[in-house]
């Protein structure tokens, strides 16, 4: 008797044939598939950032927010939980923030200067960067710059 070709997308590494298209697991089966996660380092010291962004042009605008992740008192960031998790994954290094790949910004020229200062997990943070416009700034990270 010959075996029928496998219909699974990837070869199985288990001895028993798979009973579904789902990969074999060693824990109890889940009813929903969780998205991949990145371990978020625990904050052991103060992590508070003050962010100020200023635009130039005919109608200048100033935006500011306090991202208080530890302790959380004084937080004014509208997406604080998400922004704190994003900063934690980057280990507080603003240069390591992940850009929003789905962003579609116009070429509107309205220079925005972003200043960030504070502490992250006890280490001093000072960051300054120029962006072409508000959209470019907001999408240079997933949630940190959305204030």
N, C-alpha and C. Protein backbone atom coordinates (compact mmCIF):
# COMPACT_ATOMS: atom_id res chain seq x y z
N UNK A 1 0.85 -1.17 0.00
CA UNK A 1 0.00 0.00 0.00
C UNK A 1 0.89 1.23 0.00
N UNK A 2 0.59 2.22 -0.82
CA UNK A 2 1.40 3.44 -0.88
C UNK A 2 0.71 4.56 -0.16
N UNK A 3 1.51 5.42 0.41
CA UNK A 3 0.95 6.57 1.13
C UNK A 3 0.54 7.64 0.13
N UNK A 4 -0.57 8.31 0.41
CA UNK A 4 -1.01 9.43 -0.42
C UNK A 4 -0.13 10.64 -0.12
N UNK A 5 0.09 11.51 -1.09
CA UNK A 5 0.91 12.70 -0.84
C UNK A 5 0.29 13.55 0.27
N UNK A 6 1.13 14.17 1.05
CA UNK A 6 0.68 15.03 2.14
C UNK A 6 0.06 16.30 1.59
N UNK A 7 -0.99 16.78 2.25
CA UNK A 7 -1.64 18.02 1.82
C UNK A 7 -1.26 19.19 2.70
N UNK A 8 -0.41 18.97 3.68
CA UNK A 8 0.00 20.08 4.54
C UNK A 8 1.01 20.93 3.80
N UNK A 9 1.10 22.22 4.17
CA UNK A 9 1.99 23.15 3.49
C UNK A 9 3.44 22.94 3.86
N UNK A 10 3.72 22.52 5.07
CA UNK A 10 5.10 22.32 5.51
C UNK A 10 5.24 20.89 5.97
N UNK A 11 6.42 20.30 5.80
CA UNK A 11 6.59 18.93 6.26
C UNK A 11 6.45 18.85 7.77
N UNK A 12 5.86 17.76 8.22
CA UNK A 12 5.65 17.57 9.64
C UNK A 12 6.88 16.96 10.27
N UNK A 13 7.19 17.37 11.48
CA UNK A 13 8.34 16.80 12.18
C UNK A 13 7.91 15.85 13.28
N UNK A 14 6.61 15.54 13.32
CA UNK A 14 6.11 14.61 14.33
C UNK A 14 6.01 13.22 13.75
N UNK A 15 5.95 12.22 14.61
CA UNK A 15 5.84 10.84 14.15
C UNK A 15 4.42 10.56 13.71
N UNK A 16 3.44 11.00 14.46
CA UNK A 16 2.04 10.76 14.11
C UNK A 16 1.62 11.72 13.01
N UNK A 17 0.77 11.27 12.09
CA UNK A 17 0.33 12.18 11.03
C UNK A 17 -0.53 13.30 11.62
N UNK A 18 -0.41 14.52 11.07
CA UNK A 18 -1.21 15.63 11.59
C UNK A 18 -2.69 15.37 11.35
N UNK A 19 -3.53 15.84 12.27
CA UNK A 19 -4.96 15.66 12.13
C UNK A 19 -5.63 16.92 11.59
N UNK A 20 -4.87 18.01 11.43
CA UNK A 20 -5.42 19.23 10.85
C UNK A 20 -4.31 19.97 10.14
N UNK A 21 -4.65 21.09 9.54
CA UNK A 21 -3.65 21.91 8.86
C UNK A 21 -2.80 22.70 9.85
N UNK A 22 -3.19 22.74 11.11
CA UNK A 22 -2.45 23.49 12.12
C UNK A 22 -1.17 22.75 12.46
N UNK A 23 -0.09 23.50 12.75
CA UNK A 23 1.16 22.83 13.12
C UNK A 23 1.01 22.13 14.46
N UNK A 24 1.77 21.08 14.69
CA UNK A 24 1.68 20.37 15.97
C UNK A 24 2.10 21.27 17.11
N UNK A 25 1.44 21.09 18.26
CA UNK A 25 1.76 21.89 19.44
C UNK A 25 2.05 20.96 20.60
N UNK A 26 2.73 21.50 21.60
CA UNK A 26 3.00 20.72 22.79
C UNK A 26 2.14 21.17 23.96
N UNK A 27 1.34 22.23 23.74
CA UNK A 27 0.46 22.71 24.80
C UNK A 27 -0.98 22.53 24.35
N UNK A 28 -1.90 22.93 25.20
CA UNK A 28 -3.31 22.79 24.88
C UNK A 28 -3.62 23.60 23.62
N UNK A 29 -4.49 23.09 22.74
CA UNK A 29 -4.80 23.80 21.52
C UNK A 29 -5.50 25.13 21.81
N UNK A 30 -5.23 26.12 20.97
CA UNK A 30 -5.82 27.44 21.12
C UNK A 30 -6.92 27.59 20.08
N UNK A 31 -7.98 28.32 20.43
CA UNK A 31 -9.06 28.53 19.48
C UNK A 31 -8.76 29.70 18.56
N UNK A 32 -7.83 30.57 18.92
CA UNK A 32 -7.44 31.66 18.05
C UNK A 32 -5.93 31.67 17.94
N UNK A 33 -5.46 32.10 16.79
CA UNK A 33 -4.02 32.17 16.59
C UNK A 33 -3.51 33.52 17.06
N UNK A 34 -2.58 33.53 17.96
CA UNK A 34 -2.03 34.77 18.50
C UNK A 34 -0.97 35.30 17.54
N UNK A 35 -0.89 36.64 17.41
CA UNK A 35 0.15 37.20 16.56
C UNK A 35 1.52 36.98 17.20
N UNK A 36 2.57 36.99 16.39
CA UNK A 36 3.90 36.81 16.97
C UNK A 36 4.18 37.93 17.98
N UNK A 37 4.83 37.57 19.06
CA UNK A 37 5.11 38.56 20.08
C UNK A 37 6.60 38.72 20.27
N UNK A 38 6.96 39.90 20.70
CA UNK A 38 8.34 40.19 21.03
C UNK A 38 8.37 40.38 22.54
N UNK A 39 9.31 39.77 23.18
CA UNK A 39 9.41 39.91 24.63
C UNK A 39 9.64 41.37 24.98
N UNK A 40 8.84 41.87 25.90
CA UNK A 40 8.95 43.26 26.33
C UNK A 40 9.76 43.28 27.61
N UNK A 41 10.93 43.91 27.58
CA UNK A 41 11.75 43.97 28.80
C UNK A 41 11.02 44.69 29.92
N UNK A 42 11.18 44.21 31.12
CA UNK A 42 10.54 44.82 32.27
C UNK A 42 11.28 46.09 32.65
N UNK A 43 10.52 47.12 32.97
CA UNK A 43 11.11 48.38 33.42
C UNK A 43 11.40 48.25 34.91
N UNK A 44 12.63 48.48 35.30
CA UNK A 44 12.99 48.39 36.71
C UNK A 44 13.24 49.77 37.32
N UNK A 45 13.37 50.79 36.48
CA UNK A 45 13.60 52.15 36.97
C UNK A 45 12.68 53.11 36.23
N UNK A 46 12.71 54.38 36.66
CA UNK A 46 11.85 55.39 36.06
C UNK A 46 12.00 55.44 34.55
N UNK A 47 10.86 55.60 33.87
CA UNK A 47 10.83 55.69 32.42
C UNK A 47 9.78 56.72 32.04
N UNK A 48 10.21 57.97 31.94
CA UNK A 48 9.31 59.08 31.64
C UNK A 48 9.96 59.94 30.56
N UNK A 49 9.23 60.16 29.46
CA UNK A 49 9.73 60.97 28.37
C UNK A 49 8.79 62.14 28.12
N UNK A 50 9.36 63.31 27.90
CA UNK A 50 8.58 64.48 27.51
C UNK A 50 8.88 64.73 26.04
N UNK A 51 7.83 64.82 25.25
CA UNK A 51 7.98 64.99 23.81
C UNK A 51 7.32 66.30 23.38
N UNK A 52 8.04 67.07 22.60
CA UNK A 52 7.52 68.32 22.06
C UNK A 52 7.82 68.33 20.57
N UNK A 53 6.81 68.62 19.77
CA UNK A 53 6.99 68.72 18.32
C UNK A 53 6.47 70.07 17.87
N UNK A 54 7.25 70.74 17.02
CA UNK A 54 6.90 72.07 16.53
C UNK A 54 7.00 72.09 15.02
N UNK A 55 5.97 72.62 14.38
CA UNK A 55 6.01 72.76 12.92
C UNK A 55 6.31 74.20 12.56
N UNK A 56 6.81 74.37 11.35
CA UNK A 56 7.09 75.70 10.83
C UNK A 56 6.07 76.01 9.74
N UNK A 57 6.12 77.20 9.22
CA UNK A 57 5.24 77.57 8.12
C UNK A 57 4.28 78.66 8.51
N UNK A 58 3.28 78.86 7.62
CA UNK A 58 2.30 79.92 7.83
C UNK A 58 1.46 79.70 9.08
N UNK A 59 1.17 78.45 9.39
CA UNK A 59 0.37 78.14 10.57
C UNK A 59 1.14 77.18 11.46
N UNK A 60 2.13 77.68 12.20
CA UNK A 60 2.92 76.80 13.05
C UNK A 60 2.05 76.16 14.14
N UNK A 61 2.46 74.97 14.53
CA UNK A 61 1.72 74.22 15.55
C UNK A 61 2.72 73.61 16.52
N UNK A 62 2.31 73.53 17.76
CA UNK A 62 3.13 72.88 18.79
C UNK A 62 2.28 71.79 19.42
N UNK A 63 2.86 70.60 19.52
CA UNK A 63 2.20 69.47 20.20
C UNK A 63 3.16 68.97 21.27
N UNK A 64 2.59 68.49 22.37
CA UNK A 64 3.44 67.93 23.41
C UNK A 64 2.70 66.81 24.13
N UNK A 65 3.50 65.92 24.72
CA UNK A 65 2.93 64.81 25.50
C UNK A 65 3.99 64.32 26.46
N UNK A 66 3.51 63.82 27.58
CA UNK A 66 4.37 63.15 28.54
C UNK A 66 4.04 61.66 28.46
N UNK A 67 5.04 60.87 28.15
CA UNK A 67 4.89 59.42 28.12
C UNK A 67 5.49 58.88 29.41
N UNK A 68 4.62 58.60 30.35
CA UNK A 68 5.06 58.10 31.66
C UNK A 68 4.75 56.61 31.75
N UNK A 69 5.79 55.80 31.65
CA UNK A 69 5.61 54.35 31.66
C UNK A 69 5.87 53.75 33.04
N UNK A 70 6.77 54.33 33.79
CA UNK A 70 7.02 53.90 35.16
C UNK A 70 7.60 55.07 35.92
N UNK A 71 6.91 55.63 36.86
CA UNK A 71 5.50 55.43 37.20
C UNK A 71 4.61 56.02 36.11
N UNK A 72 3.31 55.73 36.17
CA UNK A 72 2.39 56.18 35.12
C UNK A 72 1.71 57.50 35.46
N UNK A 73 1.94 58.04 36.65
CA UNK A 73 1.32 59.31 37.03
C UNK A 73 1.84 60.42 36.12
N UNK A 74 0.93 61.29 35.70
CA UNK A 74 1.32 62.42 34.85
C UNK A 74 1.31 62.11 33.37
N UNK A 75 0.85 60.94 33.00
CA UNK A 75 0.84 60.54 31.60
C UNK A 75 -0.19 61.36 30.82
N UNK A 76 0.21 61.95 29.70
CA UNK A 76 -0.72 62.68 28.84
C UNK A 76 -0.74 62.12 27.42
N UNK A 77 0.01 61.07 27.17
CA UNK A 77 0.09 60.48 25.82
C UNK A 77 -1.22 59.74 25.53
N UNK A 78 -1.85 60.01 24.36
CA UNK A 78 -3.14 59.37 24.07
C UNK A 78 -3.06 57.86 23.82
N UNK A 79 -1.90 57.33 23.49
CA UNK A 79 -1.74 55.88 23.27
C UNK A 79 -0.62 55.37 24.17
N UNK A 80 -0.73 55.69 25.44
CA UNK A 80 0.36 55.44 26.39
C UNK A 80 0.75 53.96 26.49
N UNK A 81 -0.20 53.08 26.65
CA UNK A 81 0.13 51.66 26.83
C UNK A 81 0.88 51.12 25.61
N UNK A 82 0.38 51.45 24.42
CA UNK A 82 1.02 50.98 23.20
C UNK A 82 2.41 51.61 23.03
N UNK A 83 2.51 52.90 23.31
CA UNK A 83 3.79 53.61 23.16
C UNK A 83 4.82 53.10 24.17
N UNK A 84 4.39 52.82 25.39
CA UNK A 84 5.31 52.29 26.40
C UNK A 84 5.83 50.91 25.98
N UNK A 85 4.94 50.07 25.46
CA UNK A 85 5.36 48.75 25.00
C UNK A 85 6.33 48.88 23.83
N UNK A 86 6.06 49.80 22.93
CA UNK A 86 6.94 50.01 21.78
C UNK A 86 8.32 50.49 22.22
N UNK A 87 8.35 51.41 23.18
CA UNK A 87 9.64 51.89 23.70
C UNK A 87 10.37 50.77 24.42
N UNK A 88 9.64 49.94 25.14
CA UNK A 88 10.28 48.83 25.88
C UNK A 88 10.93 47.84 24.91
N UNK A 89 10.25 47.52 23.82
CA UNK A 89 10.81 46.61 22.83
C UNK A 89 12.09 47.20 22.23
N UNK A 90 12.13 48.52 22.07
CA UNK A 90 13.32 49.20 21.53
C UNK A 90 14.37 49.45 22.61
N UNK A 91 14.12 48.95 23.82
CA UNK A 91 15.02 49.17 24.96
C UNK A 91 15.29 50.64 25.20
N UNK A 92 14.29 51.47 24.94
CA UNK A 92 14.41 52.90 25.19
C UNK A 92 15.22 53.65 24.15
N UNK A 93 15.70 52.96 23.13
CA UNK A 93 16.50 53.60 22.10
C UNK A 93 15.58 54.06 20.97
N UNK A 94 15.34 55.36 20.92
CA UNK A 94 14.41 55.92 19.95
C UNK A 94 14.82 55.58 18.52
N UNK A 95 16.10 55.46 18.27
CA UNK A 95 16.57 55.11 16.93
C UNK A 95 16.14 53.70 16.52
N UNK A 96 15.75 52.87 17.47
CA UNK A 96 15.34 51.49 17.18
C UNK A 96 13.83 51.32 17.05
N UNK A 97 13.07 52.40 17.07
CA UNK A 97 11.63 52.29 16.91
C UNK A 97 11.31 51.82 15.50
N UNK A 98 10.25 51.03 15.38
CA UNK A 98 9.85 50.48 14.09
C UNK A 98 8.90 51.44 13.39
N UNK A 99 9.24 51.77 12.16
CA UNK A 99 8.43 52.68 11.36
C UNK A 99 7.12 52.02 10.98
N UNK A 100 6.06 52.81 10.86
CA UNK A 100 4.77 52.30 10.41
C UNK A 100 4.85 52.07 8.91
N UNK A 101 4.96 50.82 8.50
CA UNK A 101 5.16 50.47 7.10
C UNK A 101 3.92 50.73 6.24
N UNK A 102 2.75 50.86 6.85
CA UNK A 102 1.52 51.06 6.10
C UNK A 102 1.23 52.53 5.83
N UNK A 103 2.05 53.43 6.33
CA UNK A 103 1.81 54.87 6.20
C UNK A 103 1.91 55.31 4.75
N UNK A 104 1.04 56.22 4.39
CA UNK A 104 1.08 56.83 3.07
C UNK A 104 0.97 58.34 3.26
N UNK A 105 2.12 58.98 3.36
CA UNK A 105 2.18 60.41 3.60
C UNK A 105 2.32 61.17 2.29
N UNK A 106 1.82 62.39 2.28
CA UNK A 106 1.98 63.25 1.11
C UNK A 106 3.36 63.90 1.17
N UNK A 107 3.69 64.60 0.12
CA UNK A 107 4.96 65.31 0.07
C UNK A 107 4.84 66.73 0.61
N UNK A 108 3.77 67.01 1.33
CA UNK A 108 3.57 68.35 1.87
C UNK A 108 4.80 68.75 2.70
N UNK A 109 5.34 69.90 2.38
CA UNK A 109 6.52 70.39 3.10
C UNK A 109 6.08 71.31 4.23
N UNK A 110 6.22 70.83 5.44
CA UNK A 110 5.95 71.62 6.64
C UNK A 110 6.85 71.04 7.72
N UNK A 111 8.08 71.48 7.73
CA UNK A 111 9.08 70.90 8.62
C UNK A 111 8.57 70.84 10.05
N UNK A 112 8.80 69.67 10.67
CA UNK A 112 8.43 69.44 12.06
C UNK A 112 9.70 69.02 12.80
N UNK A 113 9.95 69.67 13.92
CA UNK A 113 11.10 69.32 14.75
C UNK A 113 10.56 68.63 16.00
N UNK A 114 11.09 67.45 16.27
CA UNK A 114 10.69 66.67 17.44
C UNK A 114 11.83 66.68 18.46
N UNK A 115 11.49 67.00 19.69
CA UNK A 115 12.44 66.95 20.80
C UNK A 115 11.91 65.98 21.84
N UNK A 116 12.75 65.06 22.28
CA UNK A 116 12.38 64.10 23.32
C UNK A 116 13.46 64.14 24.38
N UNK A 117 13.03 64.27 25.63
CA UNK A 117 13.99 64.25 26.73
C UNK A 117 13.35 63.54 27.91
N UNK A 118 14.17 62.95 28.74
CA UNK A 118 13.67 62.26 29.93
C UNK A 118 14.60 61.14 30.33
N UNK A 119 14.01 60.12 30.94
CA UNK A 119 14.78 58.94 31.32
C UNK A 119 14.04 57.70 30.85
N UNK A 120 14.81 56.69 30.50
CA UNK A 120 14.21 55.40 30.16
C UNK A 120 14.95 54.33 30.94
N UNK A 121 14.22 53.69 31.83
CA UNK A 121 14.78 52.66 32.70
C UNK A 121 16.02 53.18 33.43
N UNK A 122 15.93 54.46 33.83
CA UNK A 122 16.99 55.10 34.60
C UNK A 122 18.06 55.78 33.78
N UNK A 123 18.10 55.57 32.47
CA UNK A 123 19.13 56.17 31.61
C UNK A 123 18.58 57.46 30.98
N UNK A 124 19.43 58.48 30.88
CA UNK A 124 19.04 59.74 30.26
C UNK A 124 18.76 59.54 28.78
N UNK A 125 17.71 60.21 28.30
CA UNK A 125 17.35 60.18 26.89
C UNK A 125 17.25 61.62 26.40
N UNK A 126 17.93 61.90 25.31
CA UNK A 126 17.85 63.20 24.63
C UNK A 126 17.86 62.90 23.14
N UNK A 127 16.82 63.35 22.45
CA UNK A 127 16.68 63.03 21.03
C UNK A 127 16.08 64.22 20.32
N UNK A 128 16.58 64.51 19.14
CA UNK A 128 16.05 65.58 18.31
C UNK A 128 16.11 65.14 16.86
N UNK A 129 15.01 65.36 16.14
CA UNK A 129 14.98 64.97 14.73
C UNK A 129 14.02 65.87 13.97
N UNK A 130 14.37 66.15 12.73
CA UNK A 130 13.50 66.91 11.83
C UNK A 130 12.79 65.95 10.89
N UNK A 131 11.51 66.25 10.64
CA UNK A 131 10.70 65.46 9.71
C UNK A 131 10.12 66.40 8.66
N UNK A 132 9.77 65.86 7.50
CA UNK A 132 9.23 66.67 6.41
C UNK A 132 7.87 67.27 6.76
N UNK A 133 7.07 66.54 7.56
CA UNK A 133 5.73 67.01 7.94
C UNK A 133 5.21 66.15 9.10
N UNK A 134 3.98 66.47 9.56
CA UNK A 134 3.41 65.74 10.70
C UNK A 134 3.23 64.26 10.40
N UNK A 135 2.78 63.95 9.22
CA UNK A 135 2.55 62.54 8.86
C UNK A 135 3.85 61.75 8.94
N UNK A 136 4.92 62.32 8.42
CA UNK A 136 6.22 61.64 8.46
C UNK A 136 6.66 61.41 9.90
N UNK A 137 6.43 62.39 10.78
CA UNK A 137 6.80 62.22 12.18
C UNK A 137 5.95 61.13 12.84
N UNK A 138 4.65 61.24 12.70
CA UNK A 138 3.75 60.30 13.36
C UNK A 138 4.00 58.86 12.94
N UNK A 139 4.44 58.66 11.72
CA UNK A 139 4.64 57.31 11.21
C UNK A 139 6.08 56.83 11.27
N UNK A 140 6.95 57.62 11.89
CA UNK A 140 8.33 57.17 12.10
C UNK A 140 8.39 56.12 13.21
N UNK A 141 7.29 55.93 13.89
CA UNK A 141 7.12 54.88 14.90
C UNK A 141 5.66 54.46 14.83
N UNK A 142 5.33 53.36 15.48
CA UNK A 142 3.94 52.89 15.43
C UNK A 142 3.02 53.72 16.31
N UNK A 143 3.39 53.98 17.56
CA UNK A 143 2.52 54.73 18.46
C UNK A 143 3.23 55.83 19.24
N UNK A 144 4.52 55.76 19.40
CA UNK A 144 5.24 56.71 20.26
C UNK A 144 5.02 58.16 19.83
N UNK A 145 5.04 58.44 18.53
CA UNK A 145 4.92 59.82 18.06
C UNK A 145 3.50 60.23 17.73
N UNK A 146 2.53 59.45 18.10
CA UNK A 146 1.11 59.80 17.82
C UNK A 146 0.51 60.53 19.01
N UNK A 147 0.86 61.78 19.11
CA UNK A 147 0.32 62.63 20.18
C UNK A 147 -0.09 63.97 19.61
